[in-house]
Amino acid sequence: MTATPRTYWLEHAWLGARVEPGVTVEVRGGRITAVRPDAPVPPPGAEILRGLTLPGLANAHSHAFHRALRSTVQVGSGTFWTWRETMYATAGRLAPDTYHALARAVYAEMALAGITAVGEFHYVHHAPGGTPYADPNAMGEALVEAAAEAGIRITLLDTAYLSSGFGRPPTTHQLRFSDGDADAWAQRCSVLREREHARIGAAIHSVRAVPAGQLATVARWARERRAPLHVHLSEQTAENDACREVHGCTPAQLLALHGVLGPRTTGVHNTHLTAEDIALIGGSGTGTCMCPTTERDLADGIGPAAALQNEGSPLSLGSDSHAVIDLLEEARAMELDERLRTRTRGHWTAAALLRAATADGHAALGWDDTGRIEAGARADLTTLGLDSVRTAGPPPRLGAETAVFAATAADVRHTVVAGRHVVRDGAHTLVPDVPGALAQAVAALRA
């Protein structure tokens, strides 16, 4: 990132417990070295961030190529399973160069939305038909490079996807996802190397896509490296029914049996859980990544996020299929969906929802030292304008509430990653025409 010392003056800053006016932040080597409230005027030479500054947002669950599906899967009606067929067709047209171009544009869109780190749940590993590329990790490397060019961090969650469902071989669409078995998956992804902006984690696509006898192999790989491990969990009732039929237990119980659950593991969605599942997940310290805009788009249901957190499961947020890319909307939706489900208000404070979008999201991706405006943390900052038609009016001291319950990604004015301006005054500094890049990358997949 950058080692150049910098000073930022934040007109208003959310420091985790409250909003403070006039905060000076000193940065060296990409990290915050000092935070000084009570600075009513900017010090000489400081870069000024007008509005409300939050820690950088963390998008804990992404499938970058799903961005090409936006709007096209809204024509007519259908189910999750018809949506999946469209998704498979798009995945089948990806190649390392086209995936790089699309991901670069998608990650730039994320930066414009204030996101400074993404967890890429990556399973399109090989060429169509399942033949490995000359570099077996060409597709993953394309994503890592795309994040660098877009100026954000990435945790590449290299995904084991070995079966079409509880031991059945991959379908034609899924051949390029599969390494054959978990040992081959581990051998391939062990070659991936971390960089300053990139960490390597693991993922189990789902209990239907990794045979039960191979779950422990993936879990052991992650445990030995102290790497994040993510898994789609109980997203669909059909998955739960099939798991009970084959294994006589729920997906969460199966994961617990094979040592998958634990503090470095995050279950994505966690939608259709029993009371015993919730206790298993929370009691093991396993995290929960909620993706409300995708869960509602696919009609998946509303997961028991409040109950999970009450049992000890840290919450994070993701934009998943990128129906929209807006972490503020994800935070808002988690509370509002729970209000609809329970017909009561106030399940989380605005500060708690911001923690899910910042510090707890970064921690789920292995960036434990990110997501806070404090000395020693990585210097990731996201500034929202407080003068838009959405945010004007409330006093700045209610900035957290304004951010969660009124603002959108369109209100992001600045995004700073490791002390470097990636978005300045609403414009990306590295990708000059993000809408054009998105349009061109999506068109290339449809050609």
Foldseek 3Di string as FASTA:
>chain_A
DDQDKAKAWEQWEDFLPFIAGTWIWIAGQQFTAFIRGPHNDDDPRHHYFYFYKFFFFEAQAAAQQLQLCQPVQVPDDDALVVVVVVVLLLLLLDDLVLLLLSLLLSLLVLVLLRHQEYEHADQQQDHQVQHADPLSRSNVVSNCVSNVLSRHAYADALEAFAAPFQPHGDDSSCNSRHLNALVSSLVNCVPDDADPRYHYHHEYAFCTRHHLVRLLSNQVSCVVVVFAYEYAAPLAVVNQVRCCVVPVHGRLVSCVVSVNAAQRYEHEQQADDDPVSLLSNQVRQHAYEYQQVVSVVNVSHQHPVLSSVVNHHQYAYHPYSPNDNKLLARLLRNQVSVCVVVVDHDSDDLSSSLCNRFQSSCVNRVQNQGRGSRRPRRPWMWRFHCPDPQRDDDDCRCVSVSSNPTDTSQRTQWIAGSNHTQHHGSAGPSDGCSVVSNVVSSVVSVD
